[in-house]
Amino acid sequence: MGEKNREKLNALSSNLLGIYVSELFKKQKLREIPEEKKEQLRALVNDLKAQTDAFLEDMNTLKNVDNKKKTNSSTGTNESPLQSMVKKRREEKAKKAQEDTNPE
């Protein structure tokens, strides 16, 4: 649900920016636009770019997490790689401790 809302928000932002730019160009030629308006336009473009980059990064992160989950489920475990490493080290320590206490 949150992802759907984010898409709607991005679409709304893009539409508002498009309307703002078109109205600005209808009223004035580019050279006649005050520097303040140009700076606002630059800020809007940079903001939308940042939102898009953040969204794409989130999507890539989610895709990577899903791929790791699929990899773990294909090996029959639901553990993260870090959990697997910790578990392996504990088992090695326990085995070594057992060998130290029971020398043959």
PDB file of N, CA and C in Angstrom:
ATOM      1  N   MET A   1       0.827  -1.196   0.000  1.00  0.00           N
ATOM      2  CA  MET A   1       0.000   0.000   0.000  1.00  0.00           C
ATOM      3  C   MET A   1       0.866   1.253   0.000  1.00  0.00           C
ATOM      4  N   GLY A   2       1.947   1.270   0.768  1.00  0.00           N
ATOM      5  CA  GLY A   2       2.829   2.423   0.830  1.00  0.00           C
ATOM      6  C   GLY A   2       3.494   2.690  -0.503  1.00  0.00           C
ATOM      7  N   GLU A   3       3.834   1.618  -1.206  1.00  0.00           N
ATOM      8  CA  GLU A   3       4.477   1.758  -2.508  1.00  0.00           C
ATOM      9  C   GLU A   3       3.525   2.403  -3.512  1.00  0.00           C
ATOM     10  N   LYS A   4       2.267   2.015  -3.435  1.00  0.00           N
ATOM     11  CA  LYS A   4       1.261   2.574  -4.340  1.00  0.00           C
ATOM     12  C   LYS A   4       1.072   4.064  -4.061  1.00  0.00           C
ATOM     13  N   ASN A   5       1.059   4.431  -2.803  1.00  0.00           N
ATOM     14  CA  ASN A   5       0.926   5.839  -2.427  1.00  0.00           C
ATOM     15  C   ASN A   5       2.131   6.650  -2.894  1.00  0.00           C
ATOM     16  N   ARG A   6       3.309   6.048  -2.799  1.00  0.00           N
ATOM     17  CA  ARG A   6       4.519   6.735  -3.236  1.00  0.00           C
ATOM     18  C   ARG A   6       4.462   7.010  -4.739  1.00  0.00           C
ATOM     19  N   GLU A   7       3.987   6.020  -5.494  1.00  0.00           N
ATOM     20  CA  GLU A   7       3.862   6.205  -6.942  1.00  0.00           C
ATOM     21  C   GLU A   7       2.876   7.322  -7.263  1.00  0.00           C
ATOM     22  N   LYS A   8       1.763   7.356  -6.534  1.00  0.00           N
ATOM     23  CA  LYS A   8       0.779   8.417  -6.746  1.00  0.00           C
ATOM     24  C   LYS A   8       1.367   9.781  -6.408  1.00  0.00           C
ATOM     25  N   LEU A   9       2.143   9.845  -5.327  1.00  0.00           N
ATOM     26  CA  LEU A   9       2.770  11.096  -4.916  1.00  0.00           C
ATOM     27  C   LEU A   9       3.770  11.567  -5.968  1.00  0.00           C
ATOM     28  N   ASN A  10       4.570  10.656  -6.482  1.00  0.00           N
ATOM     29  CA  ASN A  10       5.536  11.029  -7.523  1.00  0.00           C
ATOM     30  C   ASN A  10       4.830  11.495  -8.783  1.00  0.00           C
ATOM     31  N   ALA A  11       3.740  10.824  -9.147  1.00  0.00           N
ATOM     32  CA  ALA A  11       2.983  11.231 -10.325  1.00  0.00           C
ATOM     33  C   ALA A  11       2.378  12.616 -10.116  1.00  0.00           C
ATOM     34  N   LEU A  12       1.854  12.851  -8.945  1.00  0.00           N
ATOM     35  CA  LEU A  12       1.275  14.160  -8.633  1.00  0.00           C
ATOM     36  C   LEU A  12       2.338  15.253  -8.684  1.00  0.00           C
ATOM     37  N   SER A  13       3.510  14.969  -8.106  1.00  0.00           N
ATOM     38  CA  SER A  13       4.599  15.942  -8.128  1.00  0.00           C
ATOM     39  C   SER A  13       5.015  16.262  -9.551  1.00  0.00           C
ATOM     40  N   SER A  14       5.124  15.243 -10.373  1.00  0.00           N
ATOM     41  CA  SER A  14       5.513  15.450 -11.768  1.00  0.00           C
ATOM     42  C   SER A  14       4.473  16.282 -12.506  1.00  0.00           C
ATOM     43  N   ASN A  15       3.203  15.971 -12.268  1.00  0.00           N
ATOM     44  CA  ASN A  15       2.133  16.739 -12.917  1.00  0.00           C
ATOM     45  C   ASN A  15       2.146  18.197 -12.488  1.00  0.00           C
ATOM     46  N   LEU A  16       2.323  18.430 -11.196  1.00  0.00           N
ATOM     47  CA  LEU A  16       2.361  19.809 -10.708  1.00  0.00           C
ATOM     48  C   LEU A  16       3.549  20.561 -11.281  1.00  0.00           C
ATOM     49  N   LEU A  17       4.687  19.894 -11.371  1.00  0.00           N
ATOM     50  CA  LEU A  17       5.862  20.532 -11.952  1.00  0.00           C
ATOM     51  C   LEU A  17       5.609  20.859 -13.421  1.00  0.00           C
ATOM     52  N   GLY A  18       4.992  19.933 -14.142  1.00  0.00           N
ATOM     53  CA  GLY A  18       4.682  20.168 -15.549  1.00  0.00           C
ATOM     54  C   GLY A  18       3.742  21.344 -15.728  1.00  0.00           C
ATOM     55  N   ILE A  19       2.745  21.432 -14.892  1.00  0.00           N
ATOM     56  CA  ILE A  19       1.797  22.548 -14.968  1.00  0.00           C
ATOM     57  C   ILE A  19       2.510  23.862 -14.653  1.00  0.00           C
ATOM     58  N   TYR A  20       3.322  23.856 -13.626  1.00  0.00           N
ATOM     59  CA  TYR A  20       4.054  25.056 -13.229  1.00  0.00           C
ATOM     60  C   TYR A  20       4.964  25.542 -14.360  1.00  0.00           C
ATOM     61  N   VAL A  21       5.698  24.625 -14.954  1.00  0.00           N
ATOM     62  CA  VAL A  21       6.616  24.986 -16.037  1.00  0.00           C
ATOM     63  C   VAL A  21       5.849  25.501 -17.245  1.00  0.00           C
ATOM     64  N   SER A  22       4.780  24.821 -17.621  1.00  0.00           N
ATOM     65  CA  SER A  22       4.028  25.260 -18.799  1.00  0.00           C
ATOM     66  C   SER A  22       3.407  26.632 -18.567  1.00  0.00           C
ATOM     67  N   GLU A  23       2.877  26.884 -17.380  1.00  0.00           N
ATOM     68  CA  GLU A  23       2.312  28.202 -17.082  1.00  0.00           C
ATOM     69  C   GLU A  23       3.394  29.272 -17.091  1.00  0.00           C
ATOM     70  N   LEU A  24       4.551  28.925 -16.587  1.00  0.00           N
ATOM     71  CA  LEU A  24       5.650  29.877 -16.550  1.00  0.00           C
ATOM     72  C   LEU A  24       6.083  30.260 -17.950  1.00  0.00           C
ATOM     73  N   PHE A  25       6.173  29.277 -18.840  1.00  0.00           N
ATOM     74  CA  PHE A  25       6.585  29.560 -20.211  1.00  0.00           C
ATOM     75  C   PHE A  25       5.482  30.252 -21.018  1.00  0.00           C
ATOM     76  N   LYS A  26       4.230  30.035 -20.672  1.00  0.00           N
ATOM     77  CA  LYS A  26       3.148  30.731 -21.362  1.00  0.00           C
ATOM     78  C   LYS A  26       3.176  32.222 -21.031  1.00  0.00           C
ATOM     79  N   LYS A  27       3.479  32.530 -19.787  1.00  0.00           N
ATOM     80  CA  LYS A  27       3.449  33.919 -19.342  1.00  0.00           C
ATOM     81  C   LYS A  27       4.670  34.705 -19.797  1.00  0.00           C
ATOM     82  N   GLN A  28       5.837  34.056 -19.790  1.00  0.00           N
ATOM     83  CA  GLN A  28       7.066  34.782 -20.066  1.00  0.00           C
ATOM     84  C   GLN A  28       7.999  33.932 -20.929  1.00  0.00           C
ATOM     85  N   LYS A  29       8.843  34.617 -21.674  1.00  0.00           N
ATOM     86  CA  LYS A  29       9.879  33.906 -22.406  1.00  0.00           C
ATOM     87  C   LYS A  29      10.982  33.542 -21.424  1.00  0.00           C
ATOM     88  N   LEU A  30      11.775  32.554 -21.783  1.00  0.00           N
ATOM     89  CA  LEU A  30      12.805  32.050 -20.880  1.00  0.00           C
ATOM     90  C   LEU A  30      13.762  33.144 -20.416  1.00  0.00           C
ATOM     91  N   ARG A  31      14.144  34.024 -21.301  1.00  0.00           N
ATOM     92  CA  ARG A  31      15.083  35.086 -20.936  1.00  0.00           C
ATOM     93  C   ARG A  31      14.447  36.115 -20.009  1.00  0.00           C
ATOM     94  N   GLU A  32      13.127  36.201 -20.045  1.00  0.00           N
ATOM     95  CA  GLU A  32      12.435  37.194 -19.236  1.00  0.00           C
ATOM     96  C   GLU A  32      12.042  36.673 -17.848  1.00  0.00           C
ATOM     97  N   ILE A  33      12.269  35.407 -17.619  1.00  0.00           N
ATOM     98  CA  ILE A  33      11.913  34.826 -16.321  1.00  0.00           C
ATOM     99  C   ILE A  33      12.889  35.339 -15.269  1.00  0.00           C
ATOM    100  N   PRO A  34      12.360  35.836 -14.157  1.00  0.00           N
ATOM    101  CA  PRO A  34      13.247  36.340 -13.102  1.00  0.00           C
ATOM    102  C   PRO A  34      14.134  35.215 -12.545  1.00  0.00           C
ATOM    103  N   GLU A  35      15.279  35.599 -12.065  1.00  0.00           N
ATOM    104  CA  GLU A  35      16.243  34.629 -11.533  1.00  0.00           C
ATOM    105  C   GLU A  35      15.643  33.829 -10.371  1.00  0.00           C
ATOM    106  N   GLU A  36      14.783  34.466  -9.591  1.00  0.00           N
ATOM    107  CA  GLU A  36      14.126  33.786  -8.464  1.00  0.00           C
ATOM    108  C   GLU A  36      13.275  32.617  -8.956  1.00  0.00           C
ATOM    109  N   LYS A  37      12.527  32.831 -10.028  1.00  0.00           N
ATOM    110  CA  LYS A  37      11.685  31.769 -10.596  1.00  0.00           C
ATOM    111  C   LYS A  37      12.555  30.659 -11.183  1.00  0.00           C
ATOM    112  N   LYS A  38      13.651  31.039 -11.836  1.00  0.00           N
ATOM    113  CA  LYS A  38      14.554  30.036 -12.389  1.00  0.00           C
ATOM    114  C   LYS A  38      15.125  29.160 -11.281  1.00  0.00           C
ATOM    115  N   GLU A  39      15.477  29.798 -10.165  1.00  0.00           N
ATOM    116  CA  GLU A  39      16.037  29.045  -9.043  1.00  0.00           C
ATOM    117  C   GLU A  39      14.986  28.108  -8.435  1.00  0.00           C
ATOM    118  N   GLN A  40      13.737  28.564  -8.343  1.00  0.00           N
ATOM    119  CA  GLN A  40      12.658  27.703  -7.853  1.00  0.00           C
ATOM    120  C   GLN A  40      12.482  26.494  -8.766  1.00  0.00           C
ATOM    121  N   LEU A  41      12.549  26.748 -10.051  1.00  0.00           N
ATOM    122  CA  LEU A  41      12.414  25.665 -11.025  1.00  0.00           C
ATOM    123  C   LEU A  41      13.560  24.662 -10.883  1.00  0.00           C
ATOM    124  N   ARG A  42      14.776  25.157 -10.732  1.00  0.00           N
ATOM    125  CA  ARG A  42      15.927  24.269 -10.522  1.00  0.00           C
ATOM    126  C   ARG A  42      15.743  23.437  -9.255  1.00  0.00           C
ATOM    127  N   ALA A  43      15.265  24.088  -8.188  1.00  0.00           N
ATOM    128  CA  ALA A  43      15.051  23.382  -6.925  1.00  0.00           C
ATOM    129  C   ALA A  43      13.996  22.286  -7.089  1.00  0.00           C
ATOM    130  N   LEU A  44      12.923  22.581  -7.814  1.00  0.00           N
ATOM    131  CA  LEU A  44      11.888  21.578  -8.049  1.00  0.00           C
ATOM    132  C   LEU A  44      12.430  20.395  -8.844  1.00  0.00           C
ATOM    133  N   VAL A  45      13.201  20.682  -9.863  1.00  0.00           N
ATOM    134  CA  VAL A  45      13.778  19.609 -10.682  1.00  0.00           C
ATOM    135  C   VAL A  45      14.724  18.756  -9.833  1.00  0.00           C
ATOM    136  N   ASN A  46      15.565  19.394  -9.038  1.00  0.00           N
ATOM    137  CA  ASN A  46      16.496  18.640  -8.185  1.00  0.00           C
ATOM    138  C   ASN A  46      15.756  17.807  -7.152  1.00  0.00           C
ATOM    139  N   ASP A  47      14.672  18.360  -6.601  1.00  0.00           N
ATOM    140  CA  ASP A  47      13.878  17.626  -5.622  1.00  0.00           C
ATOM    141  C   ASP A  47      13.242  16.388  -6.249  1.00  0.00           C
ATOM    142  N   LEU A  48      12.664  16.559  -7.439  1.00  0.00           N
ATOM    143  CA  LEU A  48      12.065  15.410  -8.118  1.00  0.00           C
ATOM    144  C   LEU A  48      13.123  14.369  -8.488  1.00  0.00           C
ATOM    145  N   LYS A  49      14.290  14.834  -8.875  1.00  0.00           N
ATOM    146  CA  LYS A  49      15.380  13.915  -9.200  1.00  0.00           C
ATOM    147  C   LYS A  49      15.778  13.121  -7.957  1.00  0.00           C
ATOM    148  N   ALA A  50      15.884  13.802  -6.819  1.00  0.00           N
ATOM    149  CA  ALA A  50      16.242  13.136  -5.568  1.00  0.00           C
ATOM    150  C   ALA A  50      15.182  12.106  -5.175  1.00  0.00           C
ATOM    151  N   GLN A  51      13.901  12.467  -5.347  1.00  0.00           N
ATOM    152  CA  GLN A  51      12.821  11.523  -5.039  1.00  0.00           C
ATOM    153  C   GLN A  51      12.896  10.298  -5.933  1.00  0.00           C
ATOM    154  N   THR A  52      13.161  10.526  -7.211  1.00  0.00           N
ATOM    155  CA  THR A  52      13.254   9.417  -8.160  1.00  0.00           C
ATOM    156  C   THR A  52      14.431   8.519  -7.821  1.00  0.00           C
ATOM    157  N   ASP A  53      15.583   9.122  -7.519  1.00  0.00           N
ATOM    158  CA  ASP A  53      16.761   8.326  -7.161  1.00  0.00           C
ATOM    159  C   ASP A  53      16.520   7.512  -5.892  1.00  0.00           C
ATOM    160  N   ALA A  54      15.878   8.141  -4.900  1.00  0.00           N
ATOM    161  CA  ALA A  54      15.583   7.430  -3.656  1.00  0.00           C
ATOM    162  C   ALA A  54      14.620   6.272  -3.911  1.00  0.00           C
ATOM    163  N   PHE A  55      13.637   6.514  -4.750  1.00  0.00           N
ATOM    164  CA  PHE A  55      12.673   5.462  -5.071  1.00  0.00           C
ATOM    165  C   PHE A  55      13.368   4.295  -5.774  1.00  0.00           C
ATOM    166  N   LEU A  56      14.208   4.601  -6.753  1.00  0.00           N
ATOM    167  CA  LEU A  56      14.920   3.544  -7.471  1.00  0.00           C
ATOM    168  C   LEU A  56      15.869   2.786  -6.547  1.00  0.00           C
ATOM    169  N   GLU A  57      16.506   3.500  -5.635  1.00  0.00           N
ATOM    170  CA  GLU A  57      17.398   2.846  -4.672  1.00  0.00           C
ATOM    171  C   GLU A  57      16.610   1.915  -3.757  1.00  0.00           C
ATOM    172  N   ASP A  58      15.442   2.372  -3.305  1.00  0.00           N
ATOM    173  CA  ASP A  58      14.581   1.534  -2.475  1.00  0.00           C
ATOM    174  C   ASP A  58      14.148   0.279  -3.230  1.00  0.00           C
ATOM    175  N   MET A  59      13.801   0.453  -4.489  1.00  0.00           N
ATOM    176  CA  MET A  59      13.382  -0.686  -5.300  1.00  0.00           C
ATOM    177  C   MET A  59      14.530  -1.676  -5.473  1.00  0.00           C
ATOM    178  N   ASN A  60      15.742  -1.176  -5.708  1.00  0.00           N
ATOM    179  CA  ASN A  60      16.897  -2.059  -5.845  1.00  0.00           C
ATOM    180  C   ASN A  60      17.202  -2.781  -4.545  1.00  0.00           C
ATOM    181  N   THR A  61      17.056  -2.080  -3.425  1.00  0.00           N
ATOM    182  CA  THR A  61      17.282  -2.692  -2.121  1.00  0.00           C
ATOM    183  C   THR A  61      16.267  -3.801  -1.875  1.00  0.00           C
ATOM    184  N   LEU A  62      15.006  -3.514  -2.176  1.00  0.00           N
ATOM    185  CA  LEU A  62      13.972  -4.535  -1.998  1.00  0.00           C
ATOM    186  C   LEU A  62      14.221  -5.732  -2.902  1.00  0.00           C
ATOM    187  N   LYS A  63      14.655  -5.472  -4.128  1.00  0.00           N
ATOM    188  CA  LYS A  63      14.937  -6.546  -5.066  1.00  0.00           C
ATOM    189  C   LYS A  63      16.091  -7.402  -4.554  1.00  0.00           C
ATOM    190  N   ASN A  64      17.137  -6.763  -3.997  1.00  0.00           N
ATOM    191  CA  ASN A  64      18.282  -7.501  -3.454  1.00  0.00           C
ATOM    192  C   ASN A  64      17.873  -8.345  -2.261  1.00  0.00           C
ATOM    193  N   VAL A  65      17.031  -7.797  -1.394  1.00  0.00           N
ATOM    194  CA  VAL A  65      16.557  -8.546  -0.227  1.00  0.00           C
ATOM    195  C   VAL A  65      15.738  -9.750  -0.683  1.00  0.00           C
ATOM    196  N   ASP A  66      14.869  -9.537  -1.671  1.00  0.00           N
ATOM    197  CA  ASP A  66      14.065 -10.645  -2.190  1.00  0.00           C
ATOM    198  C   ASP A  66      14.949 -11.725  -2.801  1.00  0.00           C
ATOM    199  N   ASN A  67      15.970 -11.322  -3.528  1.00  0.00           N
ATOM    200  CA  ASN A  67      16.887 -12.293  -4.126  1.00  0.00           C
ATOM    201  C   ASN A  67      17.632 -13.084  -3.063  1.00  0.00           C
ATOM    202  N   LYS A  68      18.060 -12.419  -1.977  1.00  0.00           N
ATOM    203  CA  LYS A  68      18.741 -13.113  -0.893  1.00  0.00           C
ATOM    204  C   LYS A  68      17.808 -14.090  -0.209  1.00  0.00           C
ATOM    205  N   LYS A  69      16.548 -13.685  -0.023  1.00  0.00           N
ATOM    206  CA  LYS A  69      15.577 -14.582   0.589  1.00  0.00           C
ATOM    207  C   LYS A  69      15.353 -15.801  -0.283  1.00  0.00           C
ATOM    208  N   LYS A  70      15.269 -15.595  -1.602  1.00  0.00           N
ATOM    209  CA  LYS A  70      15.089 -16.718  -2.514  1.00  0.00           C
ATOM    210  C   LYS A  70      16.293 -17.642  -2.469  1.00  0.00           C
ATOM    211  N   THR A  71      17.489 -17.063  -2.407  1.00  0.00           N
ATOM    212  CA  THR A  71      18.704 -17.869  -2.335  1.00  0.00           C
ATOM    213  C   THR A  71      18.723 -18.672  -1.045  1.00  0.00           C
ATOM    214  N   ASN A  72      18.396 -18.028   0.063  1.00  0.00           N
ATOM    215  CA  ASN A  72      18.369 -18.732   1.345  1.00  0.00           C
ATOM    216  C   ASN A  72      17.297 -19.810   1.366  1.00  0.00           C
ATOM    217  N   SER A  73      16.152 -19.539   0.774  1.00  0.00           N
ATOM    218  CA  SER A  73      15.084 -20.534   0.782  1.00  0.00           C
ATOM    219  C   SER A  73      15.434 -21.696  -0.132  1.00  0.00           C
ATOM    220  N   SER A  74      16.225 -21.439  -1.185  1.00  0.00           N
ATOM    221  CA  SER A  74      16.616 -22.536  -2.071  1.00  0.00           C
ATOM    222  C   SER A  74      17.631 -23.442  -1.387  1.00  0.00           C
ATOM    223  N   THR A  75      18.385 -22.916  -0.430  1.00  0.00           N
ATOM    224  CA  THR A  75      19.330 -23.748   0.308  1.00  0.00           C
ATOM    225  C   THR A  75      18.667 -24.390   1.521  1.00  0.00           C
ATOM    226  N   GLY A  76      17.431 -24.047   1.761  1.00  0.00           N
ATOM    227  CA  GLY A  76      16.681 -24.664   2.850  1.00  0.00           C
ATOM    228  C   GLY A  76      16.791 -23.924   4.160  1.00  0.00           C
ATOM    229  N   THR A  77      17.386 -22.743   4.183  1.00  0.00           N
ATOM    230  CA  THR A  77      17.493 -21.982   5.415  1.00  0.00           C
ATOM    231  C   THR A  77      16.785 -20.649   5.252  1.00  0.00           C
ATOM    232  N   ASN A  78      16.367 -20.116   6.387  1.00  0.00           N
ATOM    233  CA  ASN A  78      15.752 -18.798   6.385  1.00  0.00           C
ATOM    234  C   ASN A  78      16.677 -17.802   7.067  1.00  0.00           C
ATOM    235  N   GLU A  79      17.970 -18.122   7.137  1.00  0.00           N
ATOM    236  CA  GLU A  79      18.932 -17.288   7.822  1.00  0.00           C
ATOM    237  C   GLU A  79      19.584 -16.317   6.852  1.00  0.00           C
ATOM    238  N   SER A  80      19.955 -15.192   7.388  1.00  0.00           N
ATOM    239  CA  SER A  80      20.734 -14.249   6.595  1.00  0.00           C
ATOM    240  C   SER A  80      22.178 -14.754   6.567  1.00  0.00           C
ATOM    241  N   PRO A  81      22.987 -14.234   5.662  1.00  0.00           N
ATOM    242  CA  PRO A  81      24.385 -14.666   5.628  1.00  0.00           C
ATOM    243  C   PRO A  81      25.115 -14.410   6.944  1.00  0.00           C
ATOM    244  N   LEU A  82      24.811 -13.296   7.601  1.00  0.00           N
ATOM    245  CA  LEU A  82      25.441 -12.990   8.873  1.00  0.00           C
ATOM    246  C   LEU A  82      25.034 -14.003   9.936  1.00  0.00           C
ATOM    247  N   GLN A  83      23.759 -14.354   9.956  1.00  0.00           N
ATOM    248  CA  GLN A  83      23.299 -15.352  10.914  1.00  0.00           C
ATOM    249  C   GLN A  83      23.987 -16.694  10.675  1.00  0.00           C
ATOM    250  N   SER A  84      24.168 -17.039   9.424  1.00  0.00           N
ATOM    251  CA  SER A  84      24.843 -18.298   9.087  1.00  0.00           C
ATOM    252  C   SER A  84      26.288 -18.287   9.569  1.00  0.00           C
ATOM    253  N   MET A  85      26.978 -17.153   9.390  1.00  0.00           N
ATOM    254  CA  MET A  85      28.367 -17.061   9.837  1.00  0.00           C
ATOM    255  C   MET A  85      28.477 -17.180  11.346  1.00  0.00           C
ATOM    256  N   VAL A  86      27.588 -16.488  12.067  1.00  0.00           N
ATOM    257  CA  VAL A  86      27.604 -16.537  13.530  1.00  0.00           C
ATOM    258  C   VAL A  86      27.327 -17.957  14.005  1.00  0.00           C
ATOM    259  N   LYS A  87      26.360 -18.602  13.395  1.00  0.00           N
ATOM    260  CA  LYS A  87      26.020 -19.966  13.770  1.00  0.00           C
ATOM    261  C   LYS A  87      27.196 -20.913  13.525  1.00  0.00           C
ATOM    262  N   LYS A  88      27.862 -20.737  12.404  1.00  0.00           N
ATOM    263  CA  LYS A  88      29.007 -21.589  12.064  1.00  0.00           C
ATOM    264  C   LYS A  88      30.139 -21.383  13.062  1.00  0.00           C
ATOM    265  N   ARG A  89      30.417 -20.142  13.428  1.00  0.00           N
ATOM    266  CA  ARG A  89      31.476 -19.869  14.411  1.00  0.00           C
ATOM    267  C   ARG A  89      31.138 -20.455  15.767  1.00  0.00           C
ATOM    268  N   ARG A  90      29.887 -20.366  16.185  1.00  0.00           N
ATOM    269  CA  ARG A  90      29.482 -20.952  17.464  1.00  0.00           C
ATOM    270  C   ARG A  90      29.685 -22.462  17.456  1.00  0.00           C
ATOM    271  N   GLU A  91      29.307 -23.088  16.342  1.00  0.00           N
ATOM    272  CA  GLU A  91      29.481 -24.533  16.233  1.00  0.00           C
ATOM    273  C   GLU A  91      30.952 -24.914  16.270  1.00  0.00           C
ATOM    274  N   GLU A  92      31.792 -24.110  15.591  1.00  0.00           N
ATOM    275  CA  GLU A  92      33.232 -24.382  15.606  1.00  0.00           C
ATOM    276  C   GLU A  92      33.806 -24.219  17.008  1.00  0.00           C
ATOM    277  N   LYS A  93      33.392 -23.173  17.722  1.00  0.00           N
ATOM    278  CA  LYS A  93      33.867 -22.953  19.090  1.00  0.00           C
ATOM    279  C   LYS A  93      33.417 -24.087  20.010  1.00  0.00           C
ATOM    280  N   ALA A  94      32.168 -24.497  19.851  1.00  0.00           N
ATOM    281  CA  ALA A  94      31.653 -25.583  20.682  1.00  0.00           C
ATOM    282  C   ALA A  94      32.412 -26.871  20.402  1.00  0.00           C
ATOM    283  N   LYS A  95      32.688 -27.145  19.138  1.00  0.00           N
ATOM    284  CA  LYS A  95      33.420 -28.352  18.756  1.00  0.00           C
ATOM    285  C   LYS A  95      34.838 -28.313  19.326  1.00  0.00           C
ATOM    286  N   LYS A  96      35.499 -27.139  19.227  1.00  0.00           N
ATOM    287  CA  LYS A  96      36.849 -26.992  19.754  1.00  0.00           C
ATOM    288  C   LYS A  96      36.860 -27.135  21.267  1.00  0.00           C
ATOM    289  N   ALA A  97      35.884 -26.537  21.934  1.00  0.00           N
ATOM    290  CA  ALA A  97      35.795 -26.634  23.393  1.00  0.00           C
ATOM    291  C   ALA A  97      35.575 -28.086  23.813  1.00  0.00           C
ATOM    292  N   GLN A  98      34.772 -28.809  23.055  1.00  0.00           N
ATOM    293  CA  GLN A  98      34.516 -30.212  23.348  1.00  0.00           C
ATOM    294  C   GLN A  98      35.781 -31.046  23.143  1.00  0.00           C
ATOM    295  N   GLU A  99      36.549 -30.743  22.111  1.00  0.00           N
ATOM    296  CA  GLU A  99      37.798 -31.463  21.848  1.00  0.00           C
ATOM    297  C   GLU A  99      38.825 -31.171  22.939  1.00  0.00           C
ATOM    298  N   ASP A 100      38.846 -29.933  23.430  1.00  0.00           N
ATOM    299  CA  ASP A 100      39.795 -29.549  24.487  1.00  0.00           C
ATOM    300  C   ASP A 100      39.456 -30.251  25.798  1.00  0.00           C
ATOM    301  N   THR A 101      38.191 -30.415  26.088  1.00  0.00           N
ATOM    302  CA  THR A 101      37.790 -31.040  27.367  1.00  0.00           C
ATOM    303  C   THR A 101      37.835 -32.563  27.286  1.00  0.00           C
ATOM    304  N   ASN A 102      37.759 -33.126  26.109  1.00  0.00           N
ATOM    305  CA  ASN A 102      37.788 -34.582  25.941  1.00  0.00           C
ATOM    306  C   ASN A 102      38.954 -35.005  25.046  1.00  0.00           C
ATOM    307  N   PRO A 103      40.194 -34.857  25.541  1.00  0.00           N
ATOM    308  CA  PRO A 103      41.313 -35.289  24.697  1.00  0.00           C
ATOM    309  C   PRO A 103      41.355 -36.815  24.624  1.00  0.00           C
ATOM    310  N   GLU A 104      41.615 -37.345  23.477  1.00  0.00           N
ATOM    311  CA  GLU A 104      41.594 -38.800  23.324  1.00  0.00           C
ATOM    312  C   GLU A 104      42.961 -39.372  23.347  1.00  0.00           C
TER     313      GLU A 104
END
